[in-house]
Amino acid sequence: PPVDWPCCLLSIDYTNCRDLAVEVNTQLVMADITLRVAFSPAGETHNHAPAGVRNTALQMLDTVEKLHDALQGETLGDTVSALSRSRATMQTRSNRIIVFNLTYSTTFQEVK
């Protein structure tokens, strides 16, 4: 379906799970939370681009920085260990959409 720009898609991967107490069925879960933050083409960012075009295009970096500032160290109400950025990559797709992949690692206990 169509999205509004910028958009953010979220995925959570359990990278490792181990039993802590068999009698109460508790596991320690190590997880990666990945945000895929996408921006529609906004212009050029090189030093020869007009300043207004460049500044508009660079605003996406401000958005990514705000996301990082909000997430780094966050414990989600003490339900998980502090989120820690483990990866950050950027890609420009063939349709010129720019996608930042931000991955934060955490651990938590899951009781079933």
PDB file of N, CA and C in Angstrom:
ATOM      1  N   PRO A   1       0.830  -1.196   0.000  1.00  0.00           N
ATOM      2  CA  PRO A   1       0.000   0.000   0.000  1.00  0.00           C
ATOM      3  C   PRO A   1       0.876   1.263   0.000  1.00  0.00           C
ATOM      4  N   PRO A   2       0.347   2.361  -0.473  1.00  0.00           N
ATOM      5  CA  PRO A   2       1.104   3.612  -0.472  1.00  0.00           C
ATOM      6  C   PRO A   2       1.417   4.058   0.957  1.00  0.00           C
ATOM      7  N   VAL A   3       2.498   4.799   1.104  1.00  0.00           N
ATOM      8  CA  VAL A   3       2.899   5.310   2.416  1.00  0.00           C
ATOM      9  C   VAL A   3       3.069   6.820   2.332  1.00  0.00           C
ATOM     10  N   ASP A   4       3.028   7.463   3.489  1.00  0.00           N
ATOM     11  CA  ASP A   4       3.370   8.880   3.582  1.00  0.00           C
ATOM     12  C   ASP A   4       4.868   8.976   3.824  1.00  0.00           C
ATOM     13  N   TRP A   5       5.485  10.017   3.300  1.00  0.00           N
ATOM     14  CA  TRP A   5       6.939  10.186   3.431  1.00  0.00           C
ATOM     15  C   TRP A   5       7.260  11.228   4.474  1.00  0.00           C
ATOM     16  N   PRO A   6       8.300  11.069   5.260  1.00  0.00           N
ATOM     17  CA  PRO A   6       9.081   9.832   5.358  1.00  0.00           C
ATOM     18  C   PRO A   6       8.265   8.752   6.048  1.00  0.00           C
ATOM     19  N   CYS A   7       8.711   7.510   5.910  1.00  0.00           N
ATOM     20  CA  CYS A   7       8.026   6.405   6.571  1.00  0.00           C
ATOM     21  C   CYS A   7       9.048   5.576   7.340  1.00  0.00           C
ATOM     22  N   CYS A   8       8.544   4.792   8.283  1.00  0.00           N
ATOM     23  CA  CYS A   8       9.413   3.947   9.095  1.00  0.00           C
ATOM     24  C   CYS A   8       8.759   2.578   9.238  1.00  0.00           C
ATOM     25  N   LEU A   9       9.481   1.553   8.835  1.00  0.00           N
ATOM     26  CA  LEU A   9       9.025   0.176   8.991  1.00  0.00           C
ATOM     27  C   LEU A   9       9.875  -0.470  10.073  1.00  0.00           C
ATOM     28  N   LEU A  10       9.255  -1.244  10.927  1.00  0.00           N
ATOM     29  CA  LEU A  10       9.915  -1.814  12.095  1.00  0.00           C
ATOM     30  C   LEU A  10       9.895  -3.327  12.023  1.00  0.00           C
ATOM     31  N   SER A  11      11.019  -3.945  12.379  1.00  0.00           N
ATOM     32  CA  SER A  11      11.038  -5.405  12.516  1.00  0.00           C
ATOM     33  C   SER A  11      11.809  -5.758  13.780  1.00  0.00           C
ATOM     34  N   ILE A  12      11.394  -6.851  14.411  1.00  0.00           N
ATOM     35  CA  ILE A  12      12.058  -7.338  15.622  1.00  0.00           C
ATOM     36  C   ILE A  12      12.468  -8.775  15.372  1.00  0.00           C
ATOM     37  N   ASP A  13      13.760  -9.040  15.509  1.00  0.00           N
ATOM     38  CA  ASP A  13      14.303 -10.381  15.322  1.00  0.00           C
ATOM     39  C   ASP A  13      14.876 -10.878  16.640  1.00  0.00           C
ATOM     40  N   TYR A  14      14.493 -12.098  17.026  1.00  0.00           N
ATOM     41  CA  TYR A  14      15.093 -12.734  18.195  1.00  0.00           C
ATOM     42  C   TYR A  14      16.367 -13.419  17.714  1.00  0.00           C
ATOM     43  N   THR A  15      17.522 -12.860  18.073  1.00  0.00           N
ATOM     44  CA  THR A  15      18.792 -13.381  17.564  1.00  0.00           C
ATOM     45  C   THR A  15      19.336 -14.534  18.388  1.00  0.00           C
ATOM     46  N   ASN A  16      18.892 -14.646  19.642  1.00  0.00           N
ATOM     47  CA  ASN A  16      19.329 -15.746  20.500  1.00  0.00           C
ATOM     48  C   ASN A  16      18.348 -15.867  21.662  1.00  0.00           C
ATOM     49  N   CYS A  17      17.935 -17.074  21.965  1.00  0.00           N
ATOM     50  CA  CYS A  17      17.039 -17.332  23.090  1.00  0.00           C
ATOM     51  C   CYS A  17      17.613 -18.492  23.883  1.00  0.00           C
ATOM     52  N   ARG A  18      17.630 -18.340  25.220  1.00  0.00           N
ATOM     53  CA  ARG A  18      18.097 -19.466  26.038  1.00  0.00           C
ATOM     54  C   ARG A  18      17.247 -19.572  27.293  1.00  0.00           C
ATOM     55  N   ASP A  19      17.032 -20.820  27.704  1.00  0.00           N
ATOM     56  CA  ASP A  19      16.217 -21.090  28.880  1.00  0.00           C
ATOM     57  C   ASP A  19      16.947 -20.636  30.134  1.00  0.00           C
ATOM     58  N   LEU A  20      16.201 -20.001  31.051  1.00  0.00           N
ATOM     59  CA  LEU A  20      16.756 -19.588  32.338  1.00  0.00           C
ATOM     60  C   LEU A  20      16.269 -20.489  33.460  1.00  0.00           C
ATOM     61  N   ALA A  21      15.000 -20.800  33.451  1.00  0.00           N
ATOM     62  CA  ALA A  21      14.432 -21.636  34.501  1.00  0.00           C
ATOM     63  C   ALA A  21      13.357 -22.516  33.876  1.00  0.00           C
ATOM     64  N   VAL A  22      13.677 -23.784  33.696  1.00  0.00           N
ATOM     65  CA  VAL A  22      12.758 -24.691  33.013  1.00  0.00           C
ATOM     66  C   VAL A  22      11.423 -24.784  33.743  1.00  0.00           C
ATOM     67  N   GLU A  23      11.461 -24.759  35.091  1.00  0.00           N
ATOM     68  CA  GLU A  23      10.223 -24.955  35.839  1.00  0.00           C
ATOM     69  C   GLU A  23       9.201 -23.830  35.635  1.00  0.00           C
ATOM     70  N   VAL A  24       9.647 -22.628  35.325  1.00  0.00           N
ATOM     71  CA  VAL A  24       8.690 -21.548  35.080  1.00  0.00           C
ATOM     72  C   VAL A  24       8.709 -21.106  33.620  1.00  0.00           C
ATOM     73  N   ASN A  25       9.420 -21.848  32.785  1.00  0.00           N
ATOM     74  CA  ASN A  25       9.445 -21.602  31.345  1.00  0.00           C
ATOM     75  C   ASN A  25       9.841 -20.162  31.017  1.00  0.00           C
ATOM     76  N   THR A  26      11.002 -19.744  31.529  1.00  0.00           N
ATOM     77  CA  THR A  26      11.517 -18.397  31.308  1.00  0.00           C
ATOM     78  C   THR A  26      12.714 -18.445  30.376  1.00  0.00           C
ATOM     79  N   GLN A  27      12.752 -17.517  29.433  1.00  0.00           N
ATOM     80  CA  GLN A  27      13.885 -17.423  28.521  1.00  0.00           C
ATOM     81  C   GLN A  27      14.495 -16.029  28.564  1.00  0.00           C
ATOM     82  N   LEU A  28      15.810 -15.993  28.375  1.00  0.00           N
ATOM     83  CA  LEU A  28      16.505 -14.740  28.130  1.00  0.00           C
ATOM     84  C   LEU A  28      16.552 -14.572  26.617  1.00  0.00           C
ATOM     85  N   VAL A  29      16.002 -13.489  26.130  1.00  0.00           N
ATOM     86  CA  VAL A  29      15.912 -13.247  24.689  1.00  0.00           C
ATOM     87  C   VAL A  29      16.834 -12.090  24.321  1.00  0.00           C
ATOM     88  N   MET A  30      17.692 -12.330  23.346  1.00  0.00           N
ATOM     89  CA  MET A  30      18.495 -11.260  22.755  1.00  0.00           C
ATOM     90  C   MET A  30      17.812 -10.900  21.442  1.00  0.00           C
ATOM     91  N   ALA A  31      17.541  -9.617  21.267  1.00  0.00           N
ATOM     92  CA  ALA A  31      16.757  -9.188  20.109  1.00  0.00           C
ATOM     93  C   ALA A  31      17.402  -8.004  19.410  1.00  0.00           C
ATOM     94  N   ASP A  32      17.175  -7.939  18.111  1.00  0.00           N
ATOM     95  CA  ASP A  32      17.540  -6.780  17.306  1.00  0.00           C
ATOM     96  C   ASP A  32      16.259  -6.122  16.825  1.00  0.00           C
ATOM     97  N   ILE A  33      16.165  -4.824  17.054  1.00  0.00           N
ATOM     98  CA  ILE A  33      15.037  -4.033  16.569  1.00  0.00           C
ATOM     99  C   ILE A  33      15.573  -3.187  15.419  1.00  0.00           C
ATOM    100  N   THR A  34      15.032  -3.402  14.229  1.00  0.00           N
ATOM    101  CA  THR A  34      15.515  -2.679  13.053  1.00  0.00           C
ATOM    102  C   THR A  34      14.443  -1.728  12.549  1.00  0.00           C
ATOM    103  N   LEU A  35      14.836  -0.483  12.382  1.00  0.00           N
ATOM    104  CA  LEU A  35      13.976   0.529  11.784  1.00  0.00           C
ATOM    105  C   LEU A  35      14.479   0.779  10.375  1.00  0.00           C
ATOM    106  N   ARG A  36      13.579   0.732   9.428  1.00  0.00           N
ATOM    107  CA  ARG A  36      13.906   1.090   8.046  1.00  0.00           C
ATOM    108  C   ARG A  36      13.196   2.413   7.780  1.00  0.00           C
ATOM    109  N   VAL A  37      13.986   3.473   7.778  1.00  0.00           N
ATOM    110  CA  VAL A  37      13.448   4.822   7.640  1.00  0.00           C
ATOM    111  C   VAL A  37      13.680   5.277   6.207  1.00  0.00           C
ATOM    112  N   ALA A  38      12.604   5.518   5.473  1.00  0.00           N
ATOM    113  CA  ALA A  38      12.714   5.829   4.048  1.00  0.00           C
ATOM    114  C   ALA A  38      12.263   7.258   3.762  1.00  0.00           C
ATOM    115  N   PHE A  39      12.984   7.877   2.842  1.00  0.00           N
ATOM    116  CA  PHE A  39      12.711   9.253   2.436  1.00  0.00           C
ATOM    117  C   PHE A  39      12.554   9.313   0.925  1.00  0.00           C
ATOM    118  N   SER A  40      11.570  10.074   0.473  1.00  0.00           N
ATOM    119  CA  SER A  40      11.424  10.282  -0.968  1.00  0.00           C
ATOM    120  C   SER A  40      12.567  11.171  -1.449  1.00  0.00           C
ATOM    121  N   PRO A  41      12.879  11.114  -2.734  1.00  0.00           N
ATOM    122  CA  PRO A  41      13.973  11.948  -3.246  1.00  0.00           C
ATOM    123  C   PRO A  41      13.738  13.420  -2.901  1.00  0.00           C
ATOM    124  N   ALA A  42      14.768  14.060  -2.340  1.00  0.00           N
ATOM    125  CA  ALA A  42      14.608  15.445  -1.884  1.00  0.00           C
ATOM    126  C   ALA A  42      15.631  16.386  -2.504  1.00  0.00           C
ATOM    127  N   GLY A  43      16.412  15.916  -3.433  1.00  0.00           N
ATOM    128  CA  GLY A  43      17.400  16.781  -4.055  1.00  0.00           C
ATOM    129  C   GLY A  43      18.815  16.330  -3.754  1.00  0.00           C
ATOM    130  N   GLU A  44      19.740  17.087  -4.252  1.00  0.00           N
ATOM    131  CA  GLU A  44      21.163  16.753  -4.139  1.00  0.00           C
ATOM    132  C   GLU A  44      21.757  17.307  -2.848  1.00  0.00           C
ATOM    133  N   THR A  45      22.786  16.632  -2.342  1.00  0.00           N
ATOM    134  CA  THR A  45      23.452  17.078  -1.119  1.00  0.00           C
ATOM    135  C   THR A  45      24.907  17.478  -1.353  1.00  0.00           C
ATOM    136  N   HIS A  46      25.383  17.401  -2.581  1.00  0.00           N
ATOM    137  CA  HIS A  46      26.795  17.718  -2.839  1.00  0.00           C
ATOM    138  C   HIS A  46      27.049  19.226  -2.711  1.00  0.00           C
ATOM    139  N   ASN A  47      28.324  19.596  -2.630  1.00  0.00           N
ATOM    140  CA  ASN A  47      28.683  20.988  -2.350  1.00  0.00           C
ATOM    141  C   ASN A  47      28.342  21.957  -3.484  1.00  0.00           C
ATOM    142  N   HIS A  48      28.046  21.481  -4.679  1.00  0.00           N
ATOM    143  CA  HIS A  48      27.675  22.366  -5.788  1.00  0.00           C
ATOM    144  C   HIS A  48      26.159  22.544  -5.913  1.00  0.00           C
ATOM    145  N   ALA A  49      25.397  21.813  -5.116  1.00  0.00           N
ATOM    146  CA  ALA A  49      23.936  21.969  -5.139  1.00  0.00           C
ATOM    147  C   ALA A  49      23.575  23.315  -4.510  1.00  0.00           C
ATOM    148  N   PRO A  50      22.517  23.953  -4.980  1.00  0.00           N
ATOM    149  CA  PRO A  50      22.084  25.204  -4.344  1.00  0.00           C
ATOM    150  C   PRO A  50      21.821  24.973  -2.852  1.00  0.00           C
ATOM    151  N   ALA A  51      22.174  25.954  -2.038  1.00  0.00           N
ATOM    152  CA  ALA A  51      22.097  25.804  -0.579  1.00  0.00           C
ATOM    153  C   ALA A  51      20.712  25.369  -0.114  1.00  0.00           C
ATOM    154  N   GLY A  52      19.660  25.957  -0.675  1.00  0.00           N
ATOM    155  CA  GLY A  52      18.304  25.586  -0.262  1.00  0.00           C
ATOM    156  C   GLY A  52      17.981  24.140  -0.564  1.00  0.00           C
ATOM    157  N   VAL A  53      18.381  23.670  -1.738  1.00  0.00           N
ATOM    158  CA  VAL A  53      18.159  22.272  -2.128  1.00  0.00           C
ATOM    159  C   VAL A  53      18.946  21.352  -1.208  1.00  0.00           C
ATOM    160  N   ARG A  54      20.202  21.691  -0.978  1.00  0.00           N
ATOM    161  CA  ARG A  54      21.067  20.871  -0.126  1.00  0.00           C
ATOM    162  C   ARG A  54      20.510  20.799   1.296  1.00  0.00           C
ATOM    163  N   ASN A  55      20.108  21.939   1.853  1.00  0.00           N
ATOM    164  CA  ASN A  55      19.591  21.953   3.225  1.00  0.00           C
ATOM    165  C   ASN A  55      18.317  21.129   3.356  1.00  0.00           C
ATOM    166  N   THR A  56      17.439  21.222   2.371  1.00  0.00           N
ATOM    167  CA  THR A  56      16.215  20.413   2.388  1.00  0.00           C
ATOM    168  C   THR A  56      16.558  18.928   2.330  1.00  0.00           C
ATOM    169  N   ALA A  57      17.484  18.573   1.458  1.00  0.00           N
ATOM    170  CA  ALA A  57      17.866  17.164   1.315  1.00  0.00           C
ATOM    171  C   ALA A  57      18.533  16.637   2.581  1.00  0.00           C
ATOM    172  N   LEU A  58      19.285  17.484   3.269  1.00  0.00           N
ATOM    173  CA  LEU A  58      19.999  17.034   4.471  1.00  0.00           C
ATOM    174  C   LEU A  58      19.093  16.933   5.697  1.00  0.00           C
ATOM    175  N   GLN A  59      17.864  17.431   5.612  1.00  0.00           N
ATOM    176  CA  GLN A  59      16.943  17.340   6.747  1.00  0.00           C
ATOM    177  C   GLN A  59      16.669  15.896   7.146  1.00  0.00           C
ATOM    178  N   MET A  60      16.825  14.969   6.196  1.00  0.00           N
ATOM    179  CA  MET A  60      16.610  13.562   6.539  1.00  0.00           C
ATOM    180  C   MET A  60      17.606  13.118   7.607  1.00  0.00           C
ATOM    181  N   LEU A  61      18.822  13.671   7.594  1.00  0.00           N
ATOM    182  CA  LEU A  61      19.811  13.311   8.611  1.00  0.00           C
ATOM    183  C   LEU A  61      19.378  13.799   9.986  1.00  0.00           C
ATOM    184  N   ASP A  62      18.712  14.959  10.041  1.00  0.00           N
ATOM    185  CA  ASP A  62      18.178  15.449  11.313  1.00  0.00           C
ATOM    186  C   ASP A  62      17.127  14.487  11.860  1.00  0.00           C
ATOM    187  N   THR A  63      16.284  13.964  10.983  1.00  0.00           N
ATOM    188  CA  THR A  63      15.253  13.010  11.399  1.00  0.00           C
ATOM    189  C   THR A  63      15.883  11.743  11.957  1.00  0.00           C
ATOM    190  N   VAL A  64      16.888  11.224  11.264  1.00  0.00           N
ATOM    191  CA  VAL A  64      17.570  10.007  11.721  1.00  0.00           C
ATOM    192  C   VAL A  64      18.244  10.264  13.068  1.00  0.00           C
ATOM    193  N   GLU A  65      18.846  11.430  13.237  1.00  0.00           N
ATOM    194  CA  GLU A  65      19.499  11.762  14.504  1.00  0.00           C
ATOM    195  C   GLU A  65      18.482  11.849  15.642  1.00  0.00           C
ATOM    196  N   LYS A  66      17.314  12.421  15.374  1.00  0.00           N
ATOM    197  CA  LYS A  66      16.268  12.504  16.401  1.00  0.00           C
ATOM    198  C   LYS A  66      15.789  11.112  16.806  1.00  0.00           C
ATOM    199  N   LEU A  67      15.639  10.225  15.836  1.00  0.00           N
ATOM    200  CA  LEU A  67      15.257   8.846  16.158  1.00  0.00           C
ATOM    201  C   LEU A  67      16.310   8.193  17.049  1.00  0.00           C
ATOM    202  N   HIS A  68      17.577   8.361  16.679  1.00  0.00           N
ATOM    203  CA  HIS A  68      18.652   7.765  17.476  1.00  0.00           C
ATOM    204  C   HIS A  68      18.659   8.342  18.893  1.00  0.00           C
ATOM    205  N   ASP A  69      18.528   9.658  19.011  1.00  0.00           N
ATOM    206  CA  ASP A  69      18.519  10.283  20.334  1.00  0.00           C
ATOM    207  C   ASP A  69      17.382   9.741  21.198  1.00  0.00           C
ATOM    208  N   ALA A  70      16.240   9.448  20.577  1.00  0.00           N
ATOM    209  CA  ALA A  70      15.090   8.930  21.323  1.00  0.00           C
ATOM    210  C   ALA A  70      15.265   7.467  21.719  1.00  0.00           C
ATOM    211  N   LEU A  71      15.980   6.689  20.915  1.00  0.00           N
ATOM    212  CA  LEU A  71      16.060   5.243  21.143  1.00  0.00           C
ATOM    213  C   LEU A  71      17.291   4.798  21.927  1.00  0.00           C
ATOM    214  N   GLN A  72      18.433   5.418  21.703  1.00  0.00           N
ATOM    215  CA  GLN A  72      19.665   4.975  22.355  1.00  0.00           C
ATOM    216  C   GLN A  72      19.507   5.056  23.868  1.00  0.00           C
ATOM    217  N   GLY A  73      19.677   3.933  24.549  1.00  0.00           N
ATOM    218  CA  GLY A  73      19.566   3.881  26.004  1.00  0.00           C
ATOM    219  C   GLY A  73      18.151   3.701  26.528  1.00  0.00           C
ATOM    220  N   GLU A  74      17.158   3.709  25.674  1.00  0.00           N
ATOM    221  CA  GLU A  74      15.751   3.572  26.090  1.00  0.00           C
ATOM    222  C   GLU A  74      15.502   2.171  26.646  1.00  0.00           C
ATOM    223  N   THR A  75      14.770   2.094  27.764  1.00  0.00           N
ATOM    224  CA  THR A  75      14.459   0.803  28.387  1.00  0.00           C
ATOM    225  C   THR A  75      12.984   0.423  28.245  1.00  0.00           C
ATOM    226  N   LEU A  76      12.203   1.235  27.558  1.00  0.00           N
ATOM    227  CA  LEU A  76      10.779   0.952  27.331  1.00  0.00           C
ATOM    228  C   LEU A  76      10.070   0.627  28.643  1.00  0.00           C
ATOM    229  N   GLY A  77      10.215   1.516  29.603  1.00  0.00           N
ATOM    230  CA  GLY A  77       9.565   1.328  30.893  1.00  0.00           C
ATOM    231  C   GLY A  77      10.158   0.188  31.697  1.00  0.00           C
ATOM    232  N   ASP A  78      11.457  -0.011  31.574  1.00  0.00           N
ATOM    233  CA  ASP A  78      12.182  -1.075  32.285  1.00  0.00           C
ATOM    234  C   ASP A  78      11.734  -2.474  31.887  1.00  0.00           C
ATOM    235  N   THR A  79      11.226  -2.634  30.672  1.00  0.00           N
ATOM    236  CA  THR A  79      10.840  -3.970  30.212  1.00  0.00           C
ATOM    237  C   THR A  79      11.958  -4.659  29.443  1.00  0.00           C
ATOM    238  N   VAL A  80      12.939  -3.878  28.972  1.00  0.00           N
ATOM    239  CA  VAL A  80      14.078  -4.434  28.232  1.00  0.00           C
ATOM    240  C   VAL A  80      15.350  -3.767  28.735  1.00  0.00           C
ATOM    241  N   SER A  81      16.506  -4.399  28.441  1.00  0.00           N
ATOM    242  CA  SER A  81      17.761  -3.716  28.742  1.00  0.00           C
ATOM    243  C   SER A  81      17.887  -2.523  27.803  1.00  0.00           C
ATOM    244  N   ALA A  82      18.705  -1.569  28.178  1.00  0.00           N
ATOM    245  CA  ALA A  82      18.842  -0.340  27.392  1.00  0.00           C
ATOM    246  C   ALA A  82      19.141  -0.653  25.928  1.00  0.00           C
ATOM    247  N   LEU A  83      18.377  -0.042  25.037  1.00  0.00           N
ATOM    248  CA  LEU A  83      18.629  -0.222  23.607  1.00  0.00           C
ATOM    249  C   LEU A  83      20.004   0.339  23.268  1.00  0.00           C
ATOM    250  N   SER A  84      20.727  -0.383  22.431  1.00  0.00           N
ATOM    251  CA  SER A  84      22.062   0.037  22.022  1.00  0.00           C
ATOM    252  C   SER A  84      22.190  -0.122  20.511  1.00  0.00           C
ATOM    253  N   ARG A  85      22.515   0.975  19.835  1.00  0.00           N
ATOM    254  CA  ARG A  85      22.656   0.895  18.375  1.00  0.00           C
ATOM    255  C   ARG A  85      23.802  -0.044  18.038  1.00  0.00           C
ATOM    256  N   SER A  86      23.532  -1.027  17.192  1.00  0.00           N
ATOM    257  CA  SER A  86      24.563  -1.985  16.788  1.00  0.00           C
ATOM    258  C   SER A  86      24.938  -1.845  15.320  1.00  0.00           C
ATOM    259  N   ARG A  87      24.059  -1.242  14.524  1.00  0.00           N
ATOM    260  CA  ARG A  87      24.348  -1.034  13.097  1.00  0.00           C
ATOM    261  C   ARG A  87      23.551   0.160  12.586  1.00  0.00           C
ATOM    262  N   ALA A  88      24.121   0.823  11.600  1.00  0.00           N
ATOM    263  CA  ALA A  88      23.407   1.889  10.892  1.00  0.00           C
ATOM    264  C   ALA A  88      23.964   1.939   9.479  1.00  0.00           C
ATOM    265  N   THR A  89      23.098   1.738   8.498  1.00  0.00           N
ATOM    266  CA  THR A  89      23.527   1.787   7.103  1.00  0.00           C
ATOM    267  C   THR A  89      22.556   2.653   6.312  1.00  0.00           C
ATOM    268  N   MET A  90      23.013   3.119   5.174  1.00  0.00           N
ATOM    269  CA  MET A  90      22.182   3.918   4.289  1.00  0.00           C
ATOM    270  C   MET A  90      22.273   3.346   2.886  1.00  0.00           C
ATOM    271  N   GLN A  91      21.161   3.326   2.192  1.00  0.00           N
ATOM    272  CA  GLN A  91      21.176   2.884   0.805  1.00  0.00           C
ATOM    273  C   GLN A  91      20.311   3.827  -0.026  1.00  0.00           C
ATOM    274  N   THR A  92      20.733   4.038  -1.254  1.00  0.00           N
ATOM    275  CA  THR A  92      19.933   4.790  -2.213  1.00  0.00           C
ATOM    276  C   THR A  92      19.438   3.792  -3.245  1.00  0.00           C
ATOM    277  N   ARG A  93      18.142   3.641  -3.326  1.00  0.00           N
ATOM    278  CA  ARG A  93      17.559   2.675  -4.257  1.00  0.00           C
ATOM    279  C   ARG A  93      17.544   3.234  -5.676  1.00  0.00           C
ATOM    280  N   SER A  94      17.285   2.368  -6.631  1.00  0.00           N
ATOM    281  CA  SER A  94      17.297   2.780  -8.039  1.00  0.00           C
ATOM    282  C   SER A  94      16.266   3.864  -8.335  1.00  0.00           C
ATOM    283  N   ASN A  95      15.191   3.933  -7.544  1.00  0.00           N
ATOM    284  CA  ASN A  95      14.175   4.974  -7.728  1.00  0.00           C
ATOM    285  C   ASN A  95      14.505   6.235  -6.920  1.00  0.00           C
ATOM    286  N   ARG A  96      15.729   6.291  -6.391  1.00  0.00           N
ATOM    287  CA  ARG A  96      16.299   7.413  -5.637  1.00  0.00           C
ATOM    288  C   ARG A  96      15.716   7.563  -4.238  1.00  0.00           C
ATOM    289  N   ILE A  97      14.891   6.629  -3.806  1.00  0.00           N
ATOM    290  CA  ILE A  97      14.428   6.632  -2.421  1.00  0.00           C
ATOM    291  C   ILE A  97      15.616   6.263  -1.542  1.00  0.00           C
ATOM    292  N   ILE A  98      15.778   7.022  -0.461  1.00  0.00           N
ATOM    293  CA  ILE A  98      16.891   6.785   0.460  1.00  0.00           C
ATOM    294  C   ILE A  98      16.349   6.066   1.684  1.00  0.00           C
ATOM    295  N   VAL A  99      17.015   4.974   2.066  1.00  0.00           N
ATOM    296  CA  VAL A  99      16.593   4.166   3.203  1.00  0.00           C
ATOM    297  C   VAL A  99      17.743   4.070   4.200  1.00  0.00           C
ATOM    298  N   PHE A 100      17.456   4.440   5.443  1.00  0.00           N
ATOM    299  CA  PHE A 100      18.399   4.246   6.540  1.00  0.00           C
ATOM    300  C   PHE A 100      17.938   3.014   7.306  1.00  0.00           C
ATOM    301  N   ASN A 101      18.846   2.073   7.523  1.00  0.00           N
ATOM    302  CA  ASN A 101      18.567   0.876   8.315  1.00  0.00           C
ATOM    303  C   ASN A 101      19.269   1.048   9.653  1.00  0.00           C
ATOM    304  N   LEU A 102      18.490   1.207  10.709  1.00  0.00           N
ATOM    305  CA  LEU A 102      19.027   1.432  12.049  1.00  0.00           C
ATOM    306  C   LEU A 102      18.679   0.231  12.911  1.00  0.00           C
ATOM    307  N   THR A 103      19.692  -0.427  13.459  1.00  0.00           N
ATOM    308  CA  THR A 103      19.458  -1.616  14.272  1.00  0.00           C
ATOM    309  C   THR A 103      19.911  -1.357  15.702  1.00  0.00           C
ATOM    310  N   TYR A 104      19.028  -1.673  16.647  1.00  0.00           N
ATOM    311  CA  TYR A 104      19.301  -1.533  18.075  1.00  0.00           C
ATOM    312  C   TYR A 104      19.171  -2.907  18.713  1.00  0.00           C
ATOM    313  N   SER A 105      20.122  -3.240  19.565  1.00  0.00           N
ATOM    314  CA  SER A 105      20.119  -4.538  20.245  1.00  0.00           C
ATOM    315  C   SER A 105      19.646  -4.363  21.679  1.00  0.00           C
ATOM    316  N   THR A 106      18.994  -5.412  22.193  1.00  0.00           N
ATOM    317  CA  THR A 106      18.499  -5.390  23.558  1.00  0.00           C
ATOM    318  C   THR A 106      18.342  -6.822  24.054  1.00  0.00           C
ATOM    319  N   THR A 107      18.082  -6.979  25.329  1.00  0.00           N
ATOM    320  CA  THR A 107      17.744  -8.282  25.907  1.00  0.00           C
ATOM    321  C   THR A 107      16.540  -8.094  26.838  1.00  0.00           C
ATOM    322  N   PHE A 108      15.803  -9.174  27.015  1.00  0.00           N
ATOM    323  CA  PHE A 108      14.694  -9.152  27.960  1.00  0.00           C
ATOM    324  C   PHE A 108      14.363 -10.582  28.359  1.00  0.00           C
ATOM    325  N   GLN A 109      13.633 -10.711  29.466  1.00  0.00           N
ATOM    326  CA  GLN A 109      13.178 -12.027  29.906  1.00  0.00           C
ATOM    327  C   GLN A 109      11.738 -12.221  29.454  1.00  0.00           C
ATOM    328  N   GLU A 110      11.494 -13.396  28.919  1.00  0.00           N
ATOM    329  CA  GLU A 110      10.148 -13.741  28.470  1.00  0.00           C
ATOM    330  C   GLU A 110       9.669 -14.934  29.283  1.00  0.00           C
ATOM    331  N   VAL A 111       8.514 -14.781  29.919  1.00  0.00           N
ATOM    332  CA  VAL A 111       7.921 -15.854  30.715  1.00  0.00           C
ATOM    333  C   VAL A 111       6.650 -16.304  30.011  1.00  0.00           C
ATOM    334  N   LYS A 112       6.529 -17.603  29.784  1.00  0.00           N
ATOM    335  CA  LYS A 112       5.333 -18.154  29.136  1.00  0.00           C
ATOM    336  C   LYS A 112       4.570 -19.001  30.115  1.00  0.00           C
TER     337      LYS A 112
END
